[in-house]
Protein backbone atom coordinates (compact mmCIF):
# COMPACT_ATOMS: atom_id res chain seq x y z
CA MET A 1 -68.30 -63.25 -49.09
CA ARG A 2 -70.79 -53.61 -48.11
CA LYS A 3 -68.38 -51.21 -48.67
CA SER A 4 -66.69 -49.43 -45.82
CA ALA A 5 -65.69 -46.08 -47.24
CA LEU A 6 -64.00 -45.07 -44.03
CA PHE A 7 -61.32 -47.73 -44.44
CA LEU A 8 -61.03 -48.15 -48.22
CA ALA A 9 -58.48 -45.35 -48.42
CA ILE A 10 -56.14 -46.95 -45.93
CA ALA A 11 -56.51 -50.68 -46.73
CA PRO A 12 -54.60 -52.87 -47.03
CA LEU A 13 -51.88 -50.80 -45.36
CA ILE A 14 -53.21 -50.76 -41.82
CA LEU A 15 -52.96 -53.78 -39.61
CA ALA A 16 -54.08 -52.24 -36.36
CA ILE A 17 -56.07 -55.13 -35.05
CA THR A 18 -57.61 -53.55 -32.02
CA ALA A 19 -61.39 -53.28 -32.16
CA CYS A 20 -63.32 -50.19 -33.18
CA GLY A 21 -62.65 -47.43 -30.71
CA GLY A 22 -59.32 -49.00 -29.71
CA ASP A 23 -55.95 -47.27 -29.56
CA PRO A 24 -55.17 -45.98 -33.08
CA ALA A 25 -51.46 -45.57 -32.33
CA ASN A 26 -48.62 -47.81 -33.49
CA THR A 27 -49.98 -48.35 -37.01
CA THR A 28 -47.78 -48.72 -40.06
CA SER A 29 -48.86 -47.00 -43.24
CA ASN A 30 -47.09 -46.11 -46.45
CA PRO A 31 -49.30 -44.83 -49.29
CA GLY A 32 -46.80 -46.06 -51.85
CA ASP A 33 -46.64 -49.60 -50.52
CA THR A 34 -49.35 -52.12 -51.41
CA THR A 35 -48.01 -54.74 -49.02
CA ALA A 36 -49.69 -54.97 -45.63
CA ALA A 37 -47.03 -54.46 -42.96
CA PRO A 38 -47.25 -56.32 -39.64
CA VAL A 39 -48.11 -54.28 -36.58
CA ASN A 40 -47.24 -55.52 -33.11
CA ARG A 41 -50.27 -55.58 -30.85
CA ASN A 42 -51.68 -57.23 -27.77
CA LEU A 43 -55.22 -57.71 -28.97
CA TRP A 44 -56.10 -60.14 -26.19
CA ASN A 45 -55.85 -57.32 -23.63
CA THR A 46 -58.11 -55.14 -25.77
CA VAL A 47 -60.68 -57.92 -26.23
CA LYS A 48 -60.51 -58.76 -22.52
CA SER A 49 -61.23 -55.14 -21.56
CA ARG A 50 -64.11 -55.01 -24.02
CA GLY A 51 -65.60 -58.21 -22.64
CA LYS A 52 -66.58 -59.68 -25.99
CA LEU A 53 -65.15 -60.90 -29.27
CA THR A 54 -65.92 -59.14 -32.56
CA CYS A 55 -66.17 -61.66 -35.35
CA GLY A 56 -66.47 -61.01 -39.08
CA VAL A 57 -68.74 -63.46 -40.90
CA SER A 58 -70.77 -63.64 -44.08
CA GLY A 59 -74.18 -64.11 -42.51
CA GLU A 60 -75.53 -65.31 -45.85
CA VAL A 61 -74.25 -68.87 -46.32
CA PRO A 62 -76.39 -71.57 -44.67
CA GLY A 63 -74.29 -74.08 -42.77
CA PHE A 64 -71.34 -71.70 -42.48
CA SER A 65 -72.72 -68.38 -41.25
CA PHE A 66 -76.36 -67.50 -41.63
CA VAL A 67 -78.78 -65.20 -39.87
CA GLY A 68 -82.18 -66.81 -39.29
CA THR A 69 -85.52 -65.05 -39.23
CA ASP A 70 -85.15 -64.89 -35.45
CA GLY A 71 -81.94 -62.88 -35.83
CA LYS A 72 -79.77 -65.69 -34.47
CA TYR A 73 -76.55 -66.75 -36.17
CA SER A 74 -75.71 -70.34 -36.99
CA GLY A 75 -73.08 -72.22 -38.95
CA ILE A 76 -69.64 -73.74 -38.64
CA ASP A 77 -67.90 -70.35 -38.99
CA VAL A 78 -70.16 -68.95 -36.29
CA ASP A 79 -69.38 -71.83 -33.95
CA VAL A 80 -65.65 -71.26 -34.41
CA CYS A 81 -66.16 -67.72 -33.10
CA ARG A 82 -68.26 -69.02 -30.22
CA ALA A 83 -65.51 -71.51 -29.37
CA VAL A 84 -62.97 -68.68 -29.15
CA ALA A 85 -65.41 -66.68 -27.00
CA VAL A 86 -65.76 -69.60 -24.58
CA ALA A 87 -61.99 -70.00 -24.34
CA LEU A 88 -61.70 -66.29 -23.57
CA PHE A 89 -64.78 -65.59 -21.45
CA ASP A 90 -66.43 -68.97 -20.72
CA ASN A 91 -69.45 -67.62 -22.61
CA PRO A 92 -70.40 -68.63 -26.18
CA ASP A 93 -72.60 -65.53 -26.45
CA ALA A 94 -69.77 -63.09 -25.75
CA VAL A 95 -69.51 -62.44 -29.50
CA GLU A 96 -70.64 -59.59 -31.70
CA PHE A 97 -71.06 -60.79 -35.27
CA ARG A 98 -70.49 -58.42 -38.18
CA ASN A 99 -71.64 -59.31 -41.68
CA LEU A 100 -68.93 -58.55 -44.23
CA SER A 101 -68.97 -58.80 -48.00
CA ALA A 102 -66.17 -60.53 -49.84
CA LYS A 103 -64.80 -57.16 -50.92
CA GLU A 104 -64.70 -55.53 -47.50
CA ARG A 105 -63.71 -58.48 -45.28
CA PHE A 106 -59.92 -58.02 -45.41
CA THR A 107 -60.10 -54.26 -44.96
CA ALA A 108 -62.32 -54.74 -41.91
CA LEU A 109 -59.83 -57.14 -40.34
CA GLN A 110 -56.76 -55.03 -41.10
CA ALA A 111 -58.39 -51.84 -39.82
CA GLY A 112 -59.54 -53.44 -36.57
CA GLU A 113 -63.27 -53.52 -37.21
CA VAL A 114 -63.19 -57.22 -36.30
CA ASP A 115 -60.85 -59.30 -34.14
CA ILE A 116 -61.16 -62.46 -36.19
CA LEU A 117 -62.41 -63.24 -39.68
CA SER A 118 -64.39 -66.48 -39.76
CA ARG A 119 -65.97 -66.17 -43.17
CA ASN A 120 -65.45 -69.18 -45.48
CA THR A 121 -62.17 -67.63 -46.63
CA THR A 122 -59.65 -69.54 -48.76
CA TRP A 123 -56.08 -69.70 -47.45
CA THR A 124 -53.78 -68.54 -50.25
CA LEU A 125 -50.16 -67.41 -50.49
CA SER A 126 -51.01 -63.84 -51.48
CA ARG A 127 -53.48 -63.46 -48.63
CA ALA A 128 -50.86 -64.70 -46.17
CA THR A 129 -48.30 -62.20 -47.53
CA SER A 130 -49.45 -59.08 -49.38
CA VAL A 131 -52.86 -58.98 -47.70
CA GLY A 132 -51.30 -59.64 -44.31
CA LEU A 133 -53.47 -62.41 -42.91
CA GLU A 134 -52.43 -64.98 -40.33
CA PHE A 135 -54.51 -68.09 -40.89
CA ALA A 136 -55.74 -70.48 -38.22
CA PRO A 137 -56.11 -74.20 -39.05
CA VAL A 138 -58.35 -75.09 -41.99
CA VAL A 139 -61.87 -75.85 -40.75
CA PHE A 140 -63.31 -76.97 -44.09
CA TYR A 141 -61.56 -78.39 -47.13
CA ASP A 142 -63.57 -77.44 -50.20
CA GLY A 143 -63.28 -77.10 -53.96
CA GLN A 144 -64.85 -74.82 -56.53
CA GLY A 145 -67.69 -76.12 -58.65
CA ILE A 146 -70.32 -74.98 -61.12
CA MET A 147 -74.08 -75.29 -60.82
CA VAL A 148 -76.41 -75.44 -63.83
CA ARG A 149 -80.04 -76.24 -64.48
CA ASN A 150 -80.99 -79.88 -65.01
CA ASN A 151 -82.60 -79.22 -68.37
CA SER A 152 -79.69 -77.16 -69.75
CA GLY A 153 -77.92 -80.12 -71.32
CA ILE A 154 -74.69 -78.97 -69.69
CA LYS A 155 -72.76 -81.94 -68.32
CA SER A 156 -69.19 -80.65 -68.19
CA LEU A 157 -67.04 -77.52 -68.43
CA ALA A 158 -66.68 -78.06 -72.16
CA ASP A 159 -70.45 -77.68 -72.54
CA LEU A 160 -70.17 -74.14 -71.12
CA LYS A 161 -68.39 -72.85 -74.23
CA GLY A 162 -69.90 -69.50 -75.17
CA LYS A 163 -72.24 -69.64 -72.16
CA ALA A 164 -72.83 -66.98 -69.49
CA ILE A 165 -71.51 -67.85 -66.03
CA CYS A 166 -72.40 -65.85 -62.93
CA VAL A 167 -69.47 -65.25 -60.56
CA GLN A 168 -68.86 -63.04 -57.55
CA THR A 169 -65.97 -60.62 -57.78
CA GLY A 170 -63.52 -60.11 -54.93
CA THR A 171 -63.18 -63.87 -54.42
CA THR A 172 -60.80 -66.58 -55.56
CA THR A 173 -63.61 -68.06 -57.66
CA GLU A 174 -63.38 -65.37 -60.32
CA GLN A 175 -59.70 -66.03 -61.03
CA ASN A 176 -60.05 -69.80 -60.68
CA LEU A 177 -62.78 -69.84 -63.31
CA ALA A 178 -60.74 -67.69 -65.69
CA ASP A 179 -57.65 -69.85 -65.19
CA GLN A 180 -59.45 -73.14 -65.79
CA MET A 181 -61.32 -71.94 -68.86
CA ARG A 182 -58.17 -70.42 -70.32
CA LYS A 183 -56.21 -73.62 -69.69
CA ARG A 184 -58.88 -75.66 -71.46
CA GLY A 185 -59.36 -73.16 -74.28
CA ILE A 186 -63.03 -72.61 -73.45
CA THR A 187 -64.47 -69.17 -74.14
CA TYR A 188 -67.31 -68.00 -71.90
CA LYS A 189 -69.16 -64.86 -70.81
CA PRO A 190 -68.47 -63.88 -67.19
CA VAL A 191 -71.38 -62.09 -65.51
CA VAL A 192 -69.78 -60.48 -62.47
CA PHE A 193 -71.34 -58.96 -59.36
CA GLU A 194 -69.96 -57.79 -56.01
CA ASP A 195 -72.96 -58.92 -53.98
CA VAL A 196 -73.41 -62.66 -53.50
CA ASN A 197 -77.20 -62.33 -53.25
CA VAL A 198 -77.37 -60.48 -56.57
CA THR A 199 -75.10 -63.11 -58.12
CA PHE A 200 -77.39 -65.98 -57.16
CA ALA A 201 -80.55 -64.01 -57.90
CA THR A 202 -79.29 -63.36 -61.43
CA TYR A 203 -78.68 -67.08 -61.93
CA SER A 204 -82.10 -67.90 -60.46
CA GLU A 205 -83.73 -65.52 -62.92
CA GLY A 206 -82.16 -67.46 -65.80
CA ARG A 207 -79.81 -64.70 -66.91
CA CYS A 208 -76.80 -67.01 -66.53
CA ASP A 209 -76.37 -70.53 -67.84
CA GLY A 210 -74.32 -71.48 -64.80
CA ILE A 211 -72.97 -70.14 -61.55
CA THR A 212 -69.66 -70.88 -59.86
CA ALA A 213 -68.64 -70.83 -56.19
CA ASP A 214 -67.21 -73.21 -53.61
CA ARG A 215 -69.14 -76.46 -53.85
CA SER A 216 -70.30 -76.15 -50.23
CA ALA A 217 -71.67 -72.68 -50.99
CA LEU A 218 -73.47 -74.02 -54.07
CA VAL A 219 -75.06 -76.78 -51.99
CA ALA A 220 -76.09 -74.27 -49.33
CA ARG A 221 -77.43 -71.71 -51.78
CA ARG A 222 -79.31 -74.32 -53.80
CA THR A 223 -81.54 -74.96 -50.79
CA LYS A 224 -82.70 -71.34 -51.04
CA LEU A 225 -83.53 -71.35 -54.74
CA PRO A 226 -87.25 -71.37 -55.69
CA LYS A 227 -86.89 -74.71 -57.48
CA ALA A 228 -83.88 -76.27 -55.81
CA ALA A 229 -84.34 -79.73 -57.33
CA GLU A 230 -84.06 -78.32 -60.83
CA ASN A 231 -80.40 -77.44 -60.32
CA VAL A 232 -77.37 -79.74 -60.38
CA ILE A 233 -73.72 -79.27 -59.42
CA LEU A 234 -71.31 -80.57 -62.05
CA ASP A 235 -68.93 -83.35 -60.99
CA GLU A 236 -65.84 -81.41 -62.03
CA VAL A 237 -63.95 -79.64 -59.23
CA ILE A 238 -61.83 -76.82 -60.62
CA SER A 239 -59.80 -75.76 -57.58
CA SER A 240 -58.74 -76.55 -54.03
CA GLU A 241 -60.26 -74.25 -51.43
CA PRO A 242 -58.98 -74.69 -47.86
CA LEU A 243 -61.30 -72.48 -45.80
CA ALA A 244 -59.88 -71.11 -42.57
CA PRO A 245 -60.40 -68.38 -39.97
CA ALA A 246 -57.84 -65.57 -40.01
CA VAL A 247 -56.47 -62.76 -37.89
CA ALA A 248 -54.24 -59.85 -38.90
CA LYS A 249 -50.50 -60.34 -38.72
CA GLY A 250 -48.44 -58.71 -36.01
CA ASP A 251 -49.83 -60.29 -32.84
CA PRO A 252 -48.36 -63.77 -32.27
CA ARG A 253 -50.14 -64.26 -28.96
CA TRP A 254 -53.58 -63.56 -30.42
CA SER A 255 -52.83 -65.74 -33.42
CA SER A 256 -51.77 -68.61 -31.15
CA ILE A 257 -54.95 -68.35 -29.09
CA VAL A 258 -57.18 -68.64 -32.14
CA GLN A 259 -55.09 -71.44 -33.62
CA TRP A 260 -55.10 -73.60 -30.51
CA VAL A 261 -58.79 -73.11 -29.84
CA VAL A 262 -59.46 -74.50 -33.32
CA TYR A 263 -56.99 -77.32 -32.71
CA SER A 264 -58.84 -78.17 -29.49
CA LEU A 265 -61.98 -78.89 -31.53
CA PHE A 266 -60.05 -81.42 -33.64
CA LYS A 267 -58.19 -82.92 -30.71
CA ALA A 268 -61.33 -83.49 -28.66
CA GLU A 269 -62.86 -85.52 -31.48
CA GLU A 270 -59.64 -87.48 -31.88
CA LEU A 271 -59.71 -88.32 -28.14
CA GLY A 272 -63.41 -89.23 -28.27
CA ILE A 273 -64.37 -86.30 -26.04
CA THR A 274 -67.74 -84.66 -26.71
CA SER A 275 -69.89 -82.06 -24.99
CA GLN A 276 -72.01 -84.93 -23.66
CA ASN A 277 -69.33 -87.22 -22.22
CA ILE A 278 -66.54 -84.83 -21.24
CA ASP A 279 -67.25 -85.14 -17.50
CA GLN A 280 -66.52 -88.85 -17.73
CA PHE A 281 -62.91 -88.04 -18.67
CA ALA A 282 -62.26 -85.91 -15.57
CA SER A 283 -60.77 -88.85 -13.67
CA SER A 284 -58.76 -90.19 -16.62
CA SER A 285 -55.18 -91.18 -15.90
CA ASP A 286 -54.17 -90.78 -19.56
CA PRO A 287 -51.55 -87.99 -19.59
CA ASP A 288 -52.65 -86.79 -23.04
CA ILE A 289 -56.21 -86.36 -21.83
CA LYS A 290 -55.14 -84.76 -18.54
CA ARG A 291 -53.05 -82.15 -20.37
CA PHE A 292 -55.84 -81.52 -22.86
CA LEU A 293 -58.44 -81.02 -20.13
CA GLY A 294 -56.07 -78.85 -18.13
CA THR A 295 -56.04 -81.06 -15.03
CA GLU A 296 -52.29 -81.48 -15.45
CA GLY A 297 -49.71 -78.96 -16.62
CA ASN A 298 -50.17 -75.30 -17.50
CA LEU A 299 -50.63 -75.26 -21.27
CA GLY A 300 -53.49 -72.76 -21.10
CA GLU A 301 -51.43 -70.31 -19.10
CA GLY A 302 -48.85 -70.38 -21.85
CA LEU A 303 -51.49 -68.90 -24.15
CA GLY A 304 -52.72 -66.40 -21.59
CA LEU A 305 -55.87 -68.46 -20.96
CA THR A 306 -57.01 -70.73 -18.16
CA ASN A 307 -55.55 -74.22 -18.20
CA ASP A 308 -59.01 -75.71 -18.73
CA PHE A 309 -59.82 -73.60 -21.79
CA ALA A 310 -60.31 -76.69 -23.95
CA THR A 311 -62.62 -78.30 -21.38
CA ARG A 312 -64.82 -75.21 -21.27
CA THR A 313 -64.83 -74.90 -25.05
CA ILE A 314 -65.90 -78.49 -25.70
CA LYS A 315 -68.55 -78.41 -22.96
CA LYS A 316 -70.27 -75.35 -24.40
CA VAL A 317 -69.65 -75.64 -28.15
CA GLY A 318 -68.75 -79.28 -28.79
CA ASN A 319 -65.92 -80.90 -30.71
CA TYR A 320 -65.44 -80.48 -34.46
CA GLY A 321 -67.61 -83.48 -35.28
CA GLU A 322 -70.50 -82.12 -33.23
CA ILE A 323 -70.15 -78.71 -34.86
CA TYR A 324 -70.07 -80.27 -38.32
CA ASP A 325 -73.06 -82.53 -37.70
CA ARG A 326 -75.37 -79.79 -36.44
CA ASN A 327 -74.51 -77.38 -39.25
CA LEU A 328 -73.66 -79.49 -42.31
CA GLY A 329 -74.39 -83.12 -41.46
CA ALA A 330 -76.95 -85.71 -42.44
CA LYS A 331 -79.70 -84.23 -40.24
CA THR A 332 -79.42 -80.81 -41.85
CA PRO A 333 -80.88 -79.65 -45.20
CA LEU A 334 -77.33 -79.57 -46.63
CA ASN A 335 -76.51 -83.20 -45.82
CA LEU A 336 -72.82 -82.85 -46.71
CA ALA A 337 -70.75 -85.99 -46.28
CA ARG A 338 -67.64 -85.23 -44.23
CA GLY A 339 -65.23 -86.80 -46.70
CA GLN A 340 -61.83 -85.14 -46.36
CA ASN A 341 -63.18 -83.09 -43.46
CA GLN A 342 -62.85 -86.09 -41.17
CA ILE A 343 -60.14 -86.13 -38.53
CA TRP A 344 -56.94 -87.91 -39.57
CA THR A 345 -57.68 -91.06 -37.57
CA LYS A 346 -60.70 -91.60 -39.82
CA GLY A 347 -58.89 -90.90 -43.08
CA GLY A 348 -59.51 -87.16 -43.24
CA LEU A 349 -57.24 -84.10 -43.32
CA LEU A 350 -58.00 -82.57 -39.92
CA TYR A 351 -55.06 -82.93 -37.59
CA SER A 352 -54.02 -81.30 -34.31
CA PRO A 353 -50.44 -80.98 -33.08
CA PRO A 354 -49.89 -82.56 -29.64
CA PHE A 355 -51.18 -80.83 -26.53
CA ARG A 356 -47.93 -81.06 -24.62
């Protein structure tokens, strides 16, 4: 969710969000202050000059960001980065992906190693303040769960009393687990690791009675276990986990670009526009559709993009529903029902402000 010794000494005090090799000037640092201070930047100009987007991902969570045996990245977090790359460069491949652990992800973003963090990251108050993140819209509403073996006899949190539970440190899951168990008066033995692979390997080896993570991550990781069918995810959900991309604070223009690219994925699905039928909407007289496609008005220019940025994005990456279906949907090994991750017109939580 690897250590970067070069930046550990300065994080989380530096919010220079230019890419590696960018201008190191205009940073704000105070060794006695643990609050990340905003730094004004124009990252879009830096990214434009570089000709590609640098995106921080996990690379280890199927359905969200995962590197296949062919070296290619896939997942909903990956497609968000590709959508931004299309809006910027009209090229979904104009992205360099960087695998980041849970511990190093924020440091990498603050120090400018990556332009955007799209790494199944929970939006929290402290991360939006003391850590200095600017979150884009939530792309997946999740909740924390616990996975156990079928034959363990464990049916609820209460059954985990005195049991060993594997958990990854540097994530919200560690604190959530402690809070819930404390609230319920349940003692347990936390088995903590920094590396997510080690965490799940330890559980797989039977050294933990259960393992906790976001429910989507548990579903994804279960498919990789040697005996996947022998593991079950408990019904109890112990937290709310709104997962969203993030950029470093201090660059309103860059933040707006990322936000509205994500909104365009939601809006296209709301309007019924897909990568397959988008050309059929070119002659639409509907003013909402005309503004969205960029055939009327200059909304894209207001962001520093072309007016047809949404059209190009949907053509080459698809709307949110298409992205979800190919990475998490019924035809994938994960087979995750959309549930609350539907757009609002279908009873879900995904909602775009008006394109006007």
